[in-house]
């Protein structure tokens, strides 16, 4: 339970006072369990944030005035059929980056 706010039932308070009080009551093996639980919670939070960011990027309309295009090519090969062309896109609104290849 949080030392700072007893009504909050979470061991993840980051205040110095709470962490110091927590150290008085935790055995070394409990401390490892505490850190493992905190890491799992943080990883779960990151997964949720990444999913929300991906959904945000997919919902963006990528307006032309905020879309940068960088044209690229690999030409001059001995065999001209090996030449390739592509466009790297970057949306300033949502941060999405992607590449589209020319199929010729």
Protein backbone atom coordinates (compact mmCIF):
# COMPACT_ATOMS: atom_id res chain seq x y z
CA UNK A 1 0.00 0.00 0.00
CA UNK A 2 1.23 3.46 -0.79
CA UNK A 3 2.68 5.25 2.24
CA UNK A 4 1.82 8.70 0.85
CA UNK A 5 -1.82 8.03 0.07
CA UNK A 6 -3.05 5.07 2.17
CA UNK A 7 -6.28 4.82 0.17
CA UNK A 8 -4.30 4.03 -2.98
CA UNK A 9 -3.44 0.33 -3.04
CA UNK A 10 -0.38 0.38 -5.25
CA UNK A 11 3.27 -0.38 -4.45
CA UNK A 12 4.38 1.79 -7.36
CA UNK A 13 4.48 5.23 -5.75
CA UNK A 14 7.63 7.06 -6.81
CA UNK A 15 7.89 9.56 -3.97
CA UNK A 16 11.07 9.37 -1.89
CA UNK A 17 9.21 9.10 1.43
CA UNK A 18 7.06 6.26 0.20
CA UNK A 19 10.03 4.35 -1.20
CA UNK A 20 11.99 4.76 2.06
CA UNK A 21 9.02 3.56 4.13
CA UNK A 22 8.55 0.66 1.75
CA UNK A 23 12.20 -0.42 2.19
CA UNK A 24 11.63 -0.79 5.94
CA UNK A 25 8.90 -3.37 5.39
CA UNK A 26 10.23 -5.32 2.42
CA UNK A 27 12.53 -8.32 2.61
CA UNK A 28 15.16 -8.66 -0.16
CA UNK A 29 13.18 -11.39 -1.93
CA UNK A 30 10.03 -9.24 -1.74
CA UNK A 31 11.97 -6.33 -3.24
CA UNK A 32 12.83 -8.46 -6.28
CA UNK A 33 9.17 -9.43 -6.63
CA UNK A 34 8.23 -5.76 -6.31
CA UNK A 35 10.60 -4.75 -9.11
CA UNK A 36 9.46 -7.63 -11.34
CA UNK A 37 5.84 -6.59 -10.85
CA UNK A 38 6.69 -2.96 -11.57
CA UNK A 39 8.58 -3.94 -14.74
CA UNK A 40 5.64 -6.04 -15.96
CA UNK A 41 3.25 -3.14 -15.31
CA UNK A 42 5.51 -0.69 -17.18
CA UNK A 43 5.88 -3.10 -20.11
CA UNK A 44 2.09 -3.49 -20.26
CA UNK A 45 1.69 0.31 -20.20
CA UNK A 46 4.20 0.60 -23.07
CA UNK A 47 2.32 -2.03 -25.11
CA UNK A 48 -0.94 -0.11 -24.66
CA UNK A 49 0.75 3.19 -25.58
CA UNK A 50 2.28 1.66 -28.72
CA UNK A 51 -1.10 0.26 -29.77
CA UNK A 52 -2.72 3.67 -29.24
CA UNK A 53 0.04 5.37 -31.24
CA UNK A 54 -0.36 2.91 -34.13
CA UNK A 55 -4.13 3.45 -34.15
CA UNK A 56 -3.55 7.21 -34.15
CA UNK A 57 -1.16 6.94 -37.11
CA UNK A 58 -3.63 4.81 -39.04
CA UNK A 59 -6.47 7.28 -38.41
CA UNK A 60 -4.42 10.21 -39.79
CA UNK A 61 -5.36 11.37 -43.29
CA UNK A 62 -1.72 12.38 -44.00
CA UNK A 63 -2.55 15.81 -45.51
CA UNK A 64 -0.48 16.57 -48.61
CA UNK A 65 0.87 19.82 -47.16
CA UNK A 66 2.34 17.91 -44.17
CA UNK A 67 3.59 14.91 -46.14
CA UNK A 68 7.21 14.83 -47.22
CA UNK A 69 8.35 12.57 -50.05
CA UNK A 70 11.89 11.46 -50.71
CA UNK A 71 12.45 9.72 -54.02
CA UNK A 72 15.10 7.02 -54.18
CA UNK A 73 16.51 4.73 -56.82
CA UNK A 74 19.05 2.03 -57.44
CA UNK A 75 20.01 2.39 -61.09
CA UNK A 76 23.05 1.82 -63.30
CA UNK A 77 23.03 -1.92 -62.85
CA UNK A 78 24.49 -4.13 -65.60
CA UNK A 79 21.02 -5.60 -66.02
CA UNK A 80 18.50 -2.71 -66.40
CA UNK A 81 15.69 -4.96 -65.16
CA UNK A 82 17.38 -4.89 -61.73
CA UNK A 83 16.89 -1.12 -61.43
CA UNK A 84 14.48 -0.15 -58.65
CA UNK A 85 12.65 3.01 -57.61
CA UNK A 86 10.86 3.94 -54.40
CA UNK A 87 9.38 6.83 -52.43
CA UNK A 88 9.95 7.32 -48.69
CA UNK A 89 6.98 9.11 -47.11
CA UNK A 90 6.93 10.91 -43.77
CA UNK A 91 3.86 12.55 -42.23
CA UNK A 92 4.61 15.54 -39.99
CA UNK A 93 1.17 15.30 -38.35
CA UNK A 94 1.30 11.79 -36.94
CA UNK A 95 4.96 10.80 -37.38
CA UNK A 96 4.23 7.79 -39.57
CA UNK A 97 6.97 6.78 -42.01
CA UNK A 98 6.60 4.30 -44.84
CA UNK A 99 8.08 3.32 -48.18
CA UNK A 100 6.31 2.52 -51.43
CA UNK A 101 8.18 0.70 -54.16
CA UNK A 102 7.64 1.16 -57.89
CA UNK A 103 6.59 -2.15 -59.43
CA UNK A 104 7.94 -1.43 -62.94
